[in-house]
Amino acid sequence: MAEFEIITEAKELEALAKDLLGEEIVAFDTEADSFYHYFDKVCLVQVATHKKCWLIDPFNFNSYCCFY
């Protein structure tokens, strides 16, 4: 079974971003719904390295500024 961590707070996301800088290969996957007429809404961000996976729920963040 794959090990994963769920990211729910900005401080966890910031720590993850710093850790990922040291990785050679990082995979990202997004899940979105298209219920909105003008744009898709991202519902889940999945991040993986050879060692671990993280699930990020963007609805836990007040804005998307954490993702830039």
N, C-alpha and C. Protein backbone atom coordinates (compact mmCIF):
# COMPACT_ATOMS: atom_id res chain seq x y z
N MET A 1 0.84 -1.17 0.00
CA MET A 1 0.00 0.00 0.00
C MET A 1 0.89 1.24 0.00
N ALA A 2 0.53 2.21 -0.81
CA ALA A 2 1.31 3.44 -0.90
C ALA A 2 1.10 4.28 0.35
N GLU A 3 2.17 4.89 0.81
CA GLU A 3 2.06 5.79 1.94
C GLU A 3 1.82 7.20 1.42
N PHE A 4 0.94 7.92 2.10
CA PHE A 4 0.68 9.29 1.69
C PHE A 4 0.38 10.14 2.92
N GLU A 5 0.48 11.44 2.71
CA GLU A 5 0.18 12.41 3.76
C GLU A 5 -0.83 13.40 3.19
N ILE A 6 -1.80 13.78 3.99
CA ILE A 6 -2.78 14.76 3.55
C ILE A 6 -2.34 16.13 4.07
N ILE A 7 -2.23 17.09 3.16
CA ILE A 7 -1.81 18.45 3.49
C ILE A 7 -3.07 19.29 3.67
N THR A 8 -3.24 19.86 4.88
CA THR A 8 -4.44 20.63 5.15
C THR A 8 -4.15 22.05 5.64
N GLU A 9 -2.89 22.36 5.91
CA GLU A 9 -2.55 23.68 6.44
C GLU A 9 -1.44 24.32 5.61
N ALA A 10 -1.46 25.64 5.57
CA ALA A 10 -0.47 26.38 4.78
C ALA A 10 0.96 26.07 5.23
N LYS A 11 1.19 25.92 6.52
CA LYS A 11 2.55 25.64 7.00
C LYS A 11 3.03 24.27 6.51
N GLU A 12 2.12 23.31 6.39
CA GLU A 12 2.48 21.99 5.86
C GLU A 12 2.81 22.10 4.37
N LEU A 13 2.05 22.92 3.66
CA LEU A 13 2.29 23.11 2.22
C LEU A 13 3.63 23.79 1.99
N GLU A 14 3.95 24.78 2.81
CA GLU A 14 5.24 25.46 2.69
C GLU A 14 6.40 24.50 2.97
N ALA A 15 6.26 23.66 3.98
CA ALA A 15 7.30 22.68 4.30
C ALA A 15 7.46 21.68 3.17
N LEU A 16 6.35 21.25 2.59
CA LEU A 16 6.41 20.33 1.46
C LEU A 16 7.14 20.97 0.28
N ALA A 17 6.81 22.21 -0.02
CA ALA A 17 7.46 22.91 -1.14
C ALA A 17 8.97 22.97 -0.94
N LYS A 18 9.41 23.25 0.27
CA LYS A 18 10.85 23.30 0.56
C LYS A 18 11.49 21.91 0.40
N ASP A 19 10.80 20.89 0.87
CA ASP A 19 11.33 19.52 0.75
C ASP A 19 11.42 19.09 -0.71
N LEU A 20 10.46 19.49 -1.52
CA LEU A 20 10.44 19.08 -2.92
C LEU A 20 11.57 19.70 -3.72
N LEU A 21 12.11 20.83 -3.26
CA LEU A 21 13.23 21.47 -3.95
C LEU A 21 14.45 20.55 -4.00
N GLY A 22 14.57 19.64 -3.06
CA GLY A 22 15.70 18.73 -3.02
C GLY A 22 15.48 17.44 -3.81
N GLU A 23 14.32 17.29 -4.41
CA GLU A 23 14.02 16.07 -5.17
C GLU A 23 14.40 16.23 -6.64
N GLU A 24 14.89 15.17 -7.22
CA GLU A 24 15.25 15.20 -8.65
C GLU A 24 14.01 15.08 -9.53
N ILE A 25 13.06 14.25 -9.12
CA ILE A 25 11.85 14.02 -9.90
C ILE A 25 10.64 14.19 -8.99
N VAL A 26 9.69 15.01 -9.45
CA VAL A 26 8.44 15.24 -8.73
C VAL A 26 7.30 15.15 -9.73
N ALA A 27 6.27 14.41 -9.39
CA ALA A 27 5.10 14.27 -10.26
C ALA A 27 3.92 15.01 -9.63
N PHE A 28 3.17 15.70 -10.47
CA PHE A 28 1.96 16.40 -10.03
C PHE A 28 0.77 15.89 -10.84
N ASP A 29 -0.35 15.78 -10.16
CA ASP A 29 -1.60 15.42 -10.83
C ASP A 29 -2.70 16.24 -10.19
N THR A 30 -3.61 16.75 -10.99
CA THR A 30 -4.72 17.52 -10.44
C THR A 30 -6.04 16.86 -10.84
N GLU A 31 -6.99 17.00 -9.97
CA GLU A 31 -8.34 16.54 -10.24
C GLU A 31 -9.24 17.77 -10.19
N ALA A 32 -10.07 17.94 -11.20
CA ALA A 32 -10.93 19.11 -11.26
C ALA A 32 -12.33 18.71 -11.69
N ASP A 33 -13.27 19.55 -11.33
CA ASP A 33 -14.62 19.35 -11.86
C ASP A 33 -14.89 20.43 -12.89
N SER A 34 -15.78 20.17 -13.77
CA SER A 34 -16.11 21.15 -14.81
C SER A 34 -17.56 21.57 -14.69
N PHE A 35 -18.01 21.68 -13.45
CA PHE A 35 -19.38 22.12 -13.22
C PHE A 35 -19.53 23.62 -13.43
N TYR A 36 -18.41 24.31 -13.56
CA TYR A 36 -18.44 25.75 -13.71
C TYR A 36 -18.35 26.09 -15.19
N HIS A 37 -19.13 27.04 -15.62
CA HIS A 37 -19.24 27.35 -17.05
C HIS A 37 -17.99 27.97 -17.65
N TYR A 38 -17.21 28.70 -16.85
CA TYR A 38 -16.10 29.45 -17.42
C TYR A 38 -14.74 28.84 -17.15
N PHE A 39 -14.63 28.05 -16.12
CA PHE A 39 -13.33 27.44 -15.82
C PHE A 39 -13.54 26.22 -14.94
N ASP A 40 -12.58 25.32 -14.97
CA ASP A 40 -12.61 24.17 -14.08
C ASP A 40 -12.20 24.60 -12.68
N LYS A 41 -12.65 23.86 -11.70
CA LYS A 41 -12.28 24.14 -10.32
C LYS A 41 -11.44 22.97 -9.82
N VAL A 42 -10.21 23.27 -9.40
CA VAL A 42 -9.31 22.23 -8.91
C VAL A 42 -9.82 21.73 -7.56
N CYS A 43 -10.01 20.42 -7.47
CA CYS A 43 -10.57 19.81 -6.26
C CYS A 43 -9.53 19.03 -5.46
N LEU A 44 -8.44 18.63 -6.10
CA LEU A 44 -7.42 17.85 -5.42
C LEU A 44 -6.10 17.99 -6.18
N VAL A 45 -5.01 18.14 -5.44
CA VAL A 45 -3.67 18.14 -6.03
C VAL A 45 -2.93 16.97 -5.42
N GLN A 46 -2.37 16.13 -6.28
CA GLN A 46 -1.59 14.98 -5.83
C GLN A 46 -0.13 15.21 -6.22
N VAL A 47 0.76 15.01 -5.28
CA VAL A 47 2.19 15.20 -5.50
C VAL A 47 2.89 13.92 -5.10
N ALA A 48 3.87 13.50 -5.90
CA ALA A 48 4.58 12.26 -5.58
C ALA A 48 6.05 12.35 -5.95
N THR A 49 6.86 11.69 -5.14
CA THR A 49 8.26 11.46 -5.44
C THR A 49 8.46 9.95 -5.39
N HIS A 50 9.68 9.50 -5.54
CA HIS A 50 9.95 8.06 -5.44
C HIS A 50 9.71 7.54 -4.01
N LYS A 51 9.73 8.46 -3.05
CA LYS A 51 9.65 8.06 -1.65
C LYS A 51 8.26 8.14 -1.04
N LYS A 52 7.46 9.12 -1.48
CA LYS A 52 6.22 9.40 -0.78
C LYS A 52 5.22 10.13 -1.67
N CYS A 53 3.95 10.12 -1.24
CA CYS A 53 2.88 10.84 -1.93
C CYS A 53 2.19 11.79 -0.96
N TRP A 54 1.69 12.88 -1.50
CA TRP A 54 0.95 13.86 -0.71
C TRP A 54 -0.34 14.18 -1.43
N LEU A 55 -1.40 14.36 -0.67
CA LEU A 55 -2.69 14.79 -1.20
C LEU A 55 -2.98 16.17 -0.62
N ILE A 56 -3.24 17.12 -1.50
CA ILE A 56 -3.49 18.49 -1.07
C ILE A 56 -4.93 18.85 -1.44
N ASP A 57 -5.70 19.23 -0.44
CA ASP A 57 -7.08 19.65 -0.65
C ASP A 57 -7.12 21.17 -0.75
N PRO A 58 -7.26 21.72 -1.95
CA PRO A 58 -7.21 23.18 -2.10
C PRO A 58 -8.37 23.90 -1.41
N PHE A 59 -9.44 23.18 -1.09
CA PHE A 59 -10.55 23.83 -0.40
C PHE A 59 -10.21 24.21 1.04
N ASN A 60 -9.12 23.69 1.57
CA ASN A 60 -8.69 24.04 2.92
C ASN A 60 -7.95 25.37 2.98
N PHE A 61 -7.68 25.97 1.83
CA PHE A 61 -6.91 27.20 1.79
C PHE A 61 -7.80 28.35 1.34
N ASN A 62 -7.62 29.52 1.97
CA ASN A 62 -8.46 30.67 1.66
C ASN A 62 -8.23 31.23 0.27
N SER A 63 -7.04 31.02 -0.26
CA SER A 63 -6.73 31.51 -1.60
C SER A 63 -5.71 30.58 -2.24
N TYR A 64 -5.49 30.76 -3.52
CA TYR A 64 -4.53 29.92 -4.23
C TYR A 64 -3.12 30.48 -4.15
N CYS A 65 -2.91 31.57 -3.40
CA CYS A 65 -1.57 32.16 -3.32
C CYS A 65 -0.55 31.18 -2.76
N CYS A 66 -1.00 30.21 -1.98
CA CYS A 66 -0.07 29.21 -1.42
C CYS A 66 0.55 28.34 -2.51
N PHE A 67 -0.09 28.28 -3.66
CA PHE A 67 0.35 27.36 -4.70
C PHE A 67 1.30 28.02 -5.72
N TYR A 68 1.64 29.28 -5.52
CA TYR A 68 2.53 29.95 -6.46
C TYR A 68 3.91 30.10 -5.89
